[in-house]
Amino acid sequence: MADPIPKDKSERLDSEALFDAAIGNGLTGYANDGGKWLLGKHVFQDALERGERADDALYLALNSAGENAESSPEEAAQKFWKTLPIDKAVSEALRGYAKDGGAFQLGEWVFNESLKKGVPVEESLNQALEAAKDGAESHPGDAAIRFWRTIDPSYVERASQRMKDGVKTTELIHRGWMKKGLFAGTYLGEKSGEPLIVKQGKKESLEKEREVLSSINYPGIPKVIGYLENEIHIGGLTRLSIEKMKGKNFAEYANLDGKWKSRPLDSKIAASITVGLTRCFEAVSDGGYLYRDLNPAHIMIHGTSVGLIDLEASARKDEDGKARMTDPRGTWETMSPEEFEMGGTITEASNVYSLGCMLYQMVAGNNPFSGHTGPTADEAFAQAKALHEKKYPAPIEGPLGEVITKALHPDPNKRYATLQAFRRAVQQAA
């Protein structure tokens, strides 16, 4: 059966390479023969061209190939392995397990040895997975990128060269568990020699962050450098490229560990950082949003300058200056009590509470609301909510301690009403 995808359209080559690797394991047991695999491949390409997300396009391709399968899974699997080279067909199966080329090669070797011994292909694949998994040490997201470079070292470079924004990614620095797509995540990057932060993921989240950043013009908030929607060369993901802020994040600056223990700062230094951070929050508010998700990793410190990053979760203000909670996510250790309520009202007083949590962290070297460890995510969330709902008497003496106590009041009407009022109180106390 002829390939229904024209070979003269070079712009499709990268998505085809991605498809070859990503769909290999998914279609095992479905494809009747090479023709049915090509049918799935055609459906995948059409879905991408219609603007479908890569994961949705893959789902459609699987369904199409499955509905048109005629042979038994074992026969289909054997035929499918003959359609694709082993290294590409097994790549998705090993994705997320291989730490580096060695772990992948271990899995590939086990797979081939099992086949030579007459072990059925499905069982051979399982043995290969287990072998690769046993040799893995890194985070699945990091492993995925390392693994792809092992399979096709030139792919990432070729994809970057075809991107329309002139941005080149260099290193994966974060990949959340909820991210989807082989190339989703946050990367270091550069354009014309200038360092950037490049985020690749779902359009809806990155589009919102772009809107928030574009509404603000302040030195402490990163600027948007480029934006591409549903880029085929990265599996249909959207890319947002932003200015890379100089300096260290607060977690690095204060040696903060996973239990929210950090190096206590001199009260004057803590006050100075808080004032700079409050000015960043004011810039976000002036742009029509309320910043959410205050996290030590989101605070950038460079000399005497303070910056704020990761504005994706910011809430748009209504005409009355308030915002409504539509997604109670964020960093539980710094969320105000009202931010735990779906549909709750948040104001600048909610920001004051979050800033009070970080100021406490700076001075005391710990967070009064950490330690929620429920057996399930819902129970941990409820435990964190309960901690914030009771008044916490900050055990910090002096004027700055009094400011913190007021900022951390569970009743928003008893806190500083505005960011400006809180900033002035911190300046006076210092």
Protein backbone atom coordinates (compact mmCIF):
# COMPACT_ATOMS: atom_id res chain seq x y z
CA MET A 1 0.00 0.00 0.00
CA ALA A 2 1.37 3.43 -0.94
CA ASP A 3 2.12 5.94 1.75
CA PRO A 4 -0.76 8.49 1.63
CA ILE A 5 1.50 11.28 2.93
CA PRO A 6 3.34 13.19 0.21
CA LYS A 7 7.08 12.83 0.63
CA ASP A 8 7.90 16.18 -0.95
CA LYS A 9 6.57 18.19 1.99
CA SER A 10 9.75 18.55 4.01
CA GLU A 11 8.07 20.51 6.78
CA ARG A 12 6.37 17.28 7.85
CA LEU A 13 9.56 15.32 8.29
CA ASP A 14 10.07 16.22 11.93
CA SER A 15 6.52 15.29 12.93
CA GLU A 16 6.94 12.01 11.04
CA ALA A 17 10.13 11.29 12.96
CA LEU A 18 8.32 12.05 16.20
CA PHE A 19 5.45 9.83 15.12
CA ASP A 20 7.74 6.94 14.23
CA ALA A 21 9.13 6.91 17.75
CA ALA A 22 6.05 7.85 19.75
CA ILE A 23 3.47 5.66 18.06
CA GLY A 24 5.59 2.55 17.79
CA ASN A 25 4.60 0.91 21.05
CA GLY A 26 1.08 2.37 20.97
CA LEU A 27 0.16 0.61 17.76
CA THR A 28 1.68 -2.72 18.73
CA GLY A 29 -1.12 -5.29 18.68
CA TYR A 30 -3.42 -3.05 16.61
CA ALA A 31 -1.86 -2.68 13.18
CA ASN A 32 -2.89 -5.46 10.77
CA ASP A 33 0.06 -4.71 8.53
CA GLY A 34 2.14 -1.85 7.18
CA GLY A 35 -0.90 -0.46 5.41
CA LYS A 36 -2.91 -0.08 8.60
CA TRP A 37 0.05 1.56 10.27
CA LEU A 38 0.17 4.05 7.40
CA LEU A 39 -3.54 4.69 7.91
CA GLY A 40 -2.90 5.56 11.55
CA LYS A 41 0.00 7.73 10.50
CA HIS A 42 -2.20 9.60 8.01
CA VAL A 43 -4.90 10.19 10.64
CA PHE A 44 -2.21 11.50 13.02
CA GLN A 45 -0.93 14.00 10.45
CA ASP A 46 -4.42 15.21 9.53
CA ALA A 47 -5.26 15.75 13.20
CA LEU A 48 -2.13 17.83 13.75
CA GLU A 49 -2.90 19.95 10.70
CA ARG A 50 -6.39 20.61 12.09
CA GLY A 51 -4.75 21.99 15.21
CA GLU A 52 -5.36 18.98 17.49
CA ARG A 53 -2.95 18.55 20.40
CA ALA A 54 -0.30 15.89 19.79
CA ASP A 55 -1.69 13.57 22.48
CA ASP A 56 -5.22 13.86 21.06
CA ALA A 57 -3.92 13.27 17.52
CA LEU A 58 -2.13 10.15 18.72
CA TYR A 59 -5.34 8.91 20.35
CA LEU A 60 -7.23 9.36 17.06
CA ALA A 61 -4.49 7.50 15.19
CA LEU A 62 -4.62 4.59 17.63
CA ASN A 63 -8.39 4.33 17.29
CA SER A 64 -8.23 4.41 13.50
CA ALA A 65 -5.59 1.70 13.32
CA GLY A 66 -7.38 -0.39 15.96
CA GLU A 67 -10.73 -0.24 14.23
CA ASN A 68 -9.15 -1.43 10.99
CA ALA A 69 -7.11 -4.28 12.48
CA GLU A 70 -7.98 -7.77 11.31
CA SER A 71 -5.31 -10.06 12.69
CA SER A 72 -4.61 -11.29 16.19
CA PRO A 73 -2.53 -9.04 18.45
CA GLU A 74 0.41 -11.44 18.27
CA GLU A 75 0.40 -11.52 14.46
CA ALA A 76 -0.07 -7.75 14.30
CA ALA A 77 2.81 -7.19 16.68
CA GLN A 78 5.16 -9.37 14.68
CA LYS A 79 4.21 -7.56 11.44
CA PHE A 80 4.51 -4.18 13.10
CA TRP A 81 8.04 -4.86 14.33
CA LYS A 82 8.97 -5.63 10.72
CA THR A 83 7.44 -2.32 9.60
CA LEU A 84 9.62 -0.20 11.90
CA PRO A 85 13.26 -0.57 12.92
CA ILE A 86 13.61 -1.91 16.46
CA ASP A 87 15.35 1.22 17.78
CA LYS A 88 12.42 3.46 16.82
CA ALA A 89 9.61 1.05 17.63
CA VAL A 90 10.88 0.40 21.13
CA SER A 91 11.79 4.03 21.87
CA GLU A 92 8.43 5.08 23.31
CA ALA A 93 8.26 1.92 25.38
CA LEU A 94 11.57 2.81 27.00
CA ARG A 95 10.84 6.56 27.24
CA GLY A 96 10.94 7.80 30.80
CA TYR A 97 13.04 4.88 32.04
CA ALA A 98 16.42 5.26 30.37
CA LYS A 99 18.80 7.49 32.29
CA ASP A 100 21.13 7.71 29.31
CA GLY A 101 22.26 5.76 26.25
CA GLY A 102 23.55 2.94 28.39
CA ALA A 103 20.18 2.19 29.97
CA PHE A 104 18.48 2.31 26.57
CA GLN A 105 21.08 0.00 25.08
CA LEU A 106 20.55 -2.38 27.98
CA GLY A 107 16.82 -2.53 27.22
CA GLU A 108 17.44 -2.94 23.50
CA TRP A 109 19.94 -5.75 24.12
CA VAL A 110 17.49 -7.61 26.40
CA PHE A 111 14.75 -7.20 23.78
CA ASN A 112 16.84 -8.62 20.96
CA GLU A 113 18.23 -11.48 23.06
CA SER A 114 14.71 -12.46 24.12
CA LEU A 115 13.53 -12.54 20.51
CA LYS A 116 16.49 -14.74 19.54
CA LYS A 117 15.44 -17.22 22.23
CA GLY A 118 11.95 -17.44 20.74
CA VAL A 119 10.26 -15.44 23.52
CA PRO A 120 7.00 -13.87 22.22
CA VAL A 121 7.42 -10.23 21.22
CA GLU A 122 5.11 -8.86 23.96
CA GLU A 123 7.00 -10.72 26.68
CA SER A 124 10.33 -9.65 25.18
CA LEU A 125 9.21 -6.04 25.30
CA ASN A 126 8.20 -6.37 28.96
CA GLN A 127 11.61 -7.82 29.80
CA ALA A 128 13.29 -4.93 27.97
CA LEU A 129 11.22 -2.40 29.91
CA GLU A 130 12.11 -3.96 33.24
CA ALA A 131 15.79 -4.04 32.37
CA ALA A 132 15.79 -0.38 31.33
CA LYS A 133 13.74 0.62 34.37
CA ASP A 134 16.17 -1.12 36.71
CA GLY A 135 19.00 0.88 35.18
CA ALA A 136 17.22 4.25 35.43
CA GLU A 137 18.09 6.85 38.04
CA SER A 138 16.79 10.15 36.70
CA HIS A 139 13.41 11.88 36.61
CA PRO A 140 11.19 10.48 33.81
CA GLY A 141 11.06 13.88 32.10
CA ASP A 142 14.83 14.24 32.01
CA ALA A 143 15.12 10.64 30.85
CA ALA A 144 12.72 11.25 27.98
CA ILE A 145 14.86 14.03 26.54
CA ARG A 146 18.11 12.15 27.08
CA PHE A 147 16.57 9.10 25.51
CA TRP A 148 15.39 10.98 22.45
CA ARG A 149 18.87 12.38 21.94
CA THR A 150 20.17 8.79 22.07
CA ILE A 151 17.69 7.60 19.45
CA ASP A 152 18.20 10.54 17.09
CA PRO A 153 20.90 12.97 18.33
CA SER A 154 20.26 15.42 15.50
CA TYR A 155 16.48 15.62 15.94
CA VAL A 156 16.35 18.33 18.60
CA GLU A 157 18.84 20.47 16.72
CA ARG A 158 16.97 20.05 13.44
CA ALA A 159 13.67 20.90 15.11
CA SER A 160 15.16 24.06 16.65
CA GLN A 161 16.48 25.14 13.27
CA ARG A 162 13.00 24.89 11.77
CA MET A 163 11.27 26.92 14.50
CA LYS A 164 10.09 30.30 13.27
CA ASP A 165 11.13 32.29 16.35
CA GLY A 166 14.89 31.86 16.01
CA VAL A 167 15.08 30.46 19.54
CA LYS A 168 17.25 27.43 20.29
CA THR A 169 16.65 25.28 23.36
CA THR A 170 19.75 24.00 25.15
CA GLU A 171 18.85 22.19 28.38
CA LEU A 172 15.71 20.84 30.08
CA ILE A 173 15.48 22.36 33.59
CA HIS A 174 11.99 21.34 34.72
CA ARG A 175 9.28 18.97 33.64
CA GLY A 176 6.15 18.81 35.82
CA TRP A 177 4.42 15.46 36.28
CA MET A 178 1.25 16.80 34.62
CA LYS A 179 3.03 17.95 31.46
CA LYS A 180 2.12 16.05 28.32
CA GLY A 181 4.16 15.56 25.19
CA LEU A 182 7.73 14.45 24.64
CA PHE A 183 9.01 18.03 24.35
CA ALA A 184 6.89 19.62 27.08
CA GLY A 185 8.74 21.34 29.89
CA THR A 186 10.83 24.38 30.77
CA TYR A 187 14.17 24.78 29.03
CA LEU A 188 17.16 27.04 28.99
CA GLY A 189 17.48 28.63 25.58
CA GLU A 190 19.06 31.44 23.65
CA LYS A 191 18.41 33.79 20.77
CA SER A 192 21.19 35.79 19.15
CA GLY A 193 23.37 35.02 22.14
CA GLU A 194 20.86 36.25 24.74
CA PRO A 195 19.85 33.68 27.41
CA LEU A 196 16.14 32.83 27.62
CA ILE A 197 13.69 30.65 29.49
CA VAL A 198 11.63 28.58 27.02
CA LYS A 199 8.38 26.95 28.09
CA GLN A 200 6.72 24.32 25.90
CA GLY A 201 3.32 22.87 26.74
CA LYS A 202 -0.42 23.31 26.38
CA LYS A 203 -1.63 26.40 24.58
CA GLU A 204 -4.20 27.38 27.24
CA SER A 205 -1.69 27.73 30.07
CA LEU A 206 1.10 29.39 28.09
CA GLU A 207 -1.30 31.75 26.34
CA LYS A 208 -2.49 33.00 29.72
CA GLU A 209 1.04 33.54 30.99
CA ARG A 210 1.88 35.46 27.84
CA GLU A 211 -1.15 37.71 28.36
CA VAL A 212 -0.17 38.40 31.96
CA LEU A 213 3.47 39.15 31.15
CA SER A 214 2.49 41.35 28.20
CA SER A 215 0.33 43.50 30.49
CA ILE A 216 3.28 44.40 32.72
CA ASN A 217 6.27 46.66 32.10
CA TYR A 218 8.50 46.41 35.16
CA PRO A 219 12.21 45.48 35.51
CA GLY A 220 11.42 42.76 38.05
CA ILE A 221 9.03 40.92 35.72
CA PRO A 222 10.41 39.03 32.68
CA LYS A 223 9.51 40.23 29.20
CA VAL A 224 8.02 38.08 26.44
CA ILE A 225 10.52 37.39 23.66
CA GLY A 226 8.58 35.00 21.43
CA TYR A 227 5.40 32.93 21.17
CA LEU A 228 4.46 30.11 18.78
CA GLU A 229 1.14 28.21 18.86
CA ASN A 230 0.73 24.50 18.10
CA GLU A 231 4.20 24.18 16.63
CA ILE A 232 4.40 20.96 14.63
CA HIS A 233 8.17 20.57 15.08
CA ILE A 234 7.69 20.04 18.83
CA GLY A 235 4.78 17.66 18.60
CA GLY A 236 2.00 20.24 18.32
CA LEU A 237 2.93 22.04 21.55
CA THR A 238 2.93 25.80 22.11
CA ARG A 239 6.16 27.61 22.95
CA LEU A 240 6.61 30.72 25.10
CA SER A 241 10.08 32.30 25.24
CA ILE A 242 10.75 34.86 27.96
CA GLU A 243 13.62 36.88 29.33
CA LYS A 244 15.89 34.98 31.72
CA MET A 245 16.12 36.89 34.99
CA LYS A 246 19.60 37.28 36.46
CA GLY A 247 20.65 36.00 39.85
CA LYS A 248 19.59 33.12 42.11
CA ASN A 249 16.15 32.09 43.21
CA PHE A 250 15.40 32.43 46.92
CA ALA A 251 15.66 28.68 47.54
CA GLU A 252 19.28 28.80 46.33
CA TYR A 253 19.99 32.15 47.99
CA ALA A 254 18.88 31.00 51.47
CA ASN A 255 19.82 27.30 51.14
CA LEU A 256 16.19 26.24 51.57
CA ASP A 257 15.58 22.49 51.77
CA GLY A 258 12.58 20.30 51.01
CA LYS A 259 11.16 20.81 54.51
CA TRP A 260 11.14 24.61 54.20
CA LYS A 261 14.17 25.04 56.44
CA SER A 262 16.43 27.87 55.30
CA ARG A 263 19.20 30.18 56.39
CA PRO A 264 17.65 32.95 58.56
CA LEU A 265 18.33 36.40 57.15
CA ASP A 266 19.13 39.63 58.92
CA SER A 267 15.86 41.51 59.46
CA LYS A 268 17.03 44.48 57.36
CA ILE A 269 17.96 42.21 54.44
CA ALA A 270 14.65 40.34 54.78
CA ALA A 271 12.75 43.62 54.80
CA SER A 272 14.66 44.88 51.74
CA ILE A 273 13.88 41.71 49.75
CA THR A 274 10.22 41.87 50.82
CA VAL A 275 9.91 45.51 49.73
CA GLY A 276 11.34 44.62 46.30
CA LEU A 277 9.06 41.61 46.05
CA THR A 278 6.04 43.72 47.03
CA ARG A 279 6.84 46.17 44.23
CA CYS A 280 6.75 43.22 41.79
CA PHE A 281 3.33 42.24 43.14
CA GLU A 282 2.17 45.85 42.72
CA ALA A 283 3.31 45.81 39.07
CA VAL A 284 1.24 42.66 38.48
CA SER A 285 -1.74 44.30 40.19
CA ASP A 286 -1.35 47.45 38.09
CA GLY A 287 -1.41 45.18 35.02
CA GLY A 288 -4.85 43.90 36.01
CA TYR A 289 -3.95 40.67 37.80
CA LEU A 290 -3.28 39.30 41.26
CA TYR A 291 -0.17 37.18 41.54
CA ARG A 292 -0.65 33.67 42.86
CA ASP A 293 1.65 30.74 43.60
CA LEU A 294 4.36 32.50 45.62
CA ASN A 295 7.19 30.03 45.90
CA PRO A 296 10.87 30.36 46.89
CA ALA A 297 11.83 29.18 43.40
CA HIS A 298 9.76 32.01 41.88
CA ILE A 299 11.67 34.81 43.65
CA MET A 300 14.83 35.97 41.87
CA ILE A 301 17.54 37.87 43.74
CA HIS A 302 20.40 39.64 41.96
CA GLY A 303 22.41 42.00 44.15
CA THR A 304 19.87 44.46 45.51
CA SER A 305 17.34 43.71 42.74
CA VAL A 306 14.35 41.41 43.26
CA GLY A 307 12.36 39.72 40.49
CA LEU A 308 9.28 37.53 40.20
CA ILE A 309 8.75 34.72 37.71
CA ASP A 310 6.10 32.10 36.80
CA LEU A 311 2.96 34.20 36.43
CA GLU A 312 0.86 31.46 34.86
CA ALA A 313 -1.45 31.09 37.88
CA SER A 314 -2.16 34.84 38.23
CA ALA A 315 -5.85 35.71 38.57
CA ARG A 316 -7.47 38.42 36.47
CA LYS A 317 -9.05 41.22 38.52
CA ASP A 318 -12.63 42.33 38.04
CA GLU A 319 -13.60 45.99 37.88
CA ASP A 320 -13.85 46.06 41.68
CA GLY A 321 -10.19 45.05 41.98
CA LYS A 322 -11.05 41.58 43.23
CA ALA A 323 -10.60 38.17 41.62
CA ARG A 324 -12.50 34.93 41.91
CA MET A 325 -10.84 31.61 42.60
CA THR A 326 -11.43 29.24 39.70
CA ASP A 327 -8.51 26.91 40.38
CA PRO A 328 -7.36 26.52 44.02
CA ARG A 329 -3.88 25.39 43.12
CA GLY A 330 -0.60 26.92 44.11
CA THR A 331 2.01 26.62 46.82
CA TRP A 332 0.09 25.60 49.93
CA GLU A 333 2.70 27.00 52.31
CA THR A 334 2.03 30.57 51.13
CA MET A 335 -1.65 30.49 50.13
CA SER A 336 -4.11 32.64 52.05
CA PRO A 337 -7.11 30.83 53.60
CA GLU A 338 -9.46 32.30 51.00
CA GLU A 339 -7.35 30.87 48.17
CA PHE A 340 -8.21 27.34 49.26
CA GLU A 341 -11.90 27.94 48.44
CA MET A 342 -13.21 27.33 44.93
CA GLY A 343 -15.11 30.46 43.97
CA GLY A 344 -13.61 32.41 46.86
CA THR A 345 -12.78 36.10 46.56
CA ILE A 346 -9.15 37.16 46.59
CA THR A 347 -7.78 40.69 46.87
CA GLU A 348 -4.48 42.45 47.47
CA ALA A 349 -4.95 41.43 51.13
CA SER A 350 -4.54 37.84 49.90
CA ASN A 351 -1.21 38.85 48.37
CA VAL A 352 -0.24 40.47 51.67
CA TYR A 353 -0.80 37.13 53.42
CA SER A 354 1.46 35.29 50.95
CA LEU A 355 4.15 37.93 51.31
CA GLY A 356 3.83 37.67 55.10
CA CYS A 357 4.50 33.93 54.83
CA MET A 358 7.69 34.57 52.87
CA LEU A 359 8.83 37.35 55.22
CA TYR A 360 8.37 34.96 58.14
CA GLN A 361 10.43 32.39 56.22
CA MET A 362 13.23 34.87 55.69
CA VAL A 363 13.47 35.95 59.32
CA ALA A 364 12.71 32.67 61.12
CA GLY A 365 14.22 30.21 58.63
CA ASN A 366 11.10 28.06 58.45
CA ASN A 367 7.48 28.16 57.32
CA PRO A 368 4.69 28.00 59.94
CA PHE A 369 2.33 26.26 57.53
CA SER A 370 4.54 23.44 56.22
CA GLY A 371 4.30 19.82 57.31
CA HIS A 372 0.96 18.79 55.79
CA THR A 373 1.39 15.12 54.92
CA GLY A 374 -2.00 13.50 54.39
CA PRO A 375 -2.12 9.96 52.95
CA THR A 376 -3.86 11.35 49.85
CA ALA A 377 -3.55 14.64 47.97
CA ASP A 378 -7.08 15.65 49.05
CA GLU A 379 -6.32 15.00 52.71
CA ALA A 380 -3.01 16.85 52.53
CA PHE A 381 -4.84 19.78 50.91
CA ALA A 382 -7.46 19.77 53.69
CA GLN A 383 -4.71 19.67 56.31
CA ALA A 384 -2.92 22.63 54.74
CA LYS A 385 -6.20 24.56 54.56
CA ALA A 386 -6.87 23.92 58.27
CA LEU A 387 -3.40 25.22 59.21
CA HIS A 388 -4.03 28.50 57.42
CA GLU A 389 -7.52 28.99 58.82
CA LYS A 390 -6.37 29.31 62.42
CA LYS A 391 -4.61 32.45 63.60
CA TYR A 392 -0.87 31.86 63.85
CA PRO A 393 0.88 34.02 66.49
CA ALA A 394 4.24 34.66 64.83
CA PRO A 395 6.93 34.20 67.50
CA ILE A 396 9.04 37.06 66.21
CA GLU A 397 9.81 39.99 68.47
CA GLY A 398 9.95 43.63 67.54
CA PRO A 399 8.19 45.87 65.00
CA LEU A 400 8.78 43.51 62.08
CA GLY A 401 7.20 40.67 64.04
CA GLU A 402 4.12 42.83 64.58
CA VAL A 403 3.88 43.48 60.84
CA ILE A 404 4.11 39.75 60.14
CA THR A 405 1.43 38.93 62.72
CA LYS A 406 -1.00 41.37 61.11
CA ALA A 407 -0.17 40.17 57.58
CA LEU A 408 -0.87 36.57 58.60
CA HIS A 409 -4.28 37.14 60.14
CA PRO A 410 -6.70 34.52 58.75
CA ASP A 411 -9.38 37.21 58.31
CA PRO A 412 -8.48 39.30 55.24
CA ASN A 413 -10.34 42.29 56.69
CA LYS A 414 -7.84 42.42 59.57
CA ARG A 415 -4.72 42.41 57.40
CA TYR A 416 -3.17 45.30 55.51
CA ALA A 417 -5.76 46.05 52.84
CA THR A 418 -3.30 46.91 50.06
CA LEU A 419 0.15 45.97 48.93
CA GLN A 420 1.23 49.58 49.30
CA ALA A 421 0.14 49.69 52.95
CA PHE A 422 2.03 46.46 53.68
CA ARG A 423 5.17 47.73 51.92
CA ARG A 424 5.17 50.95 53.93
CA ALA A 425 4.69 49.03 57.18
CA VAL A 426 7.69 46.80 56.36
CA GLN A 427 9.83 49.84 55.50
CA GLN A 428 8.91 51.58 58.76
CA ALA A 429 9.51 48.44 60.85
CA ALA A 430 12.96 47.91 59.36
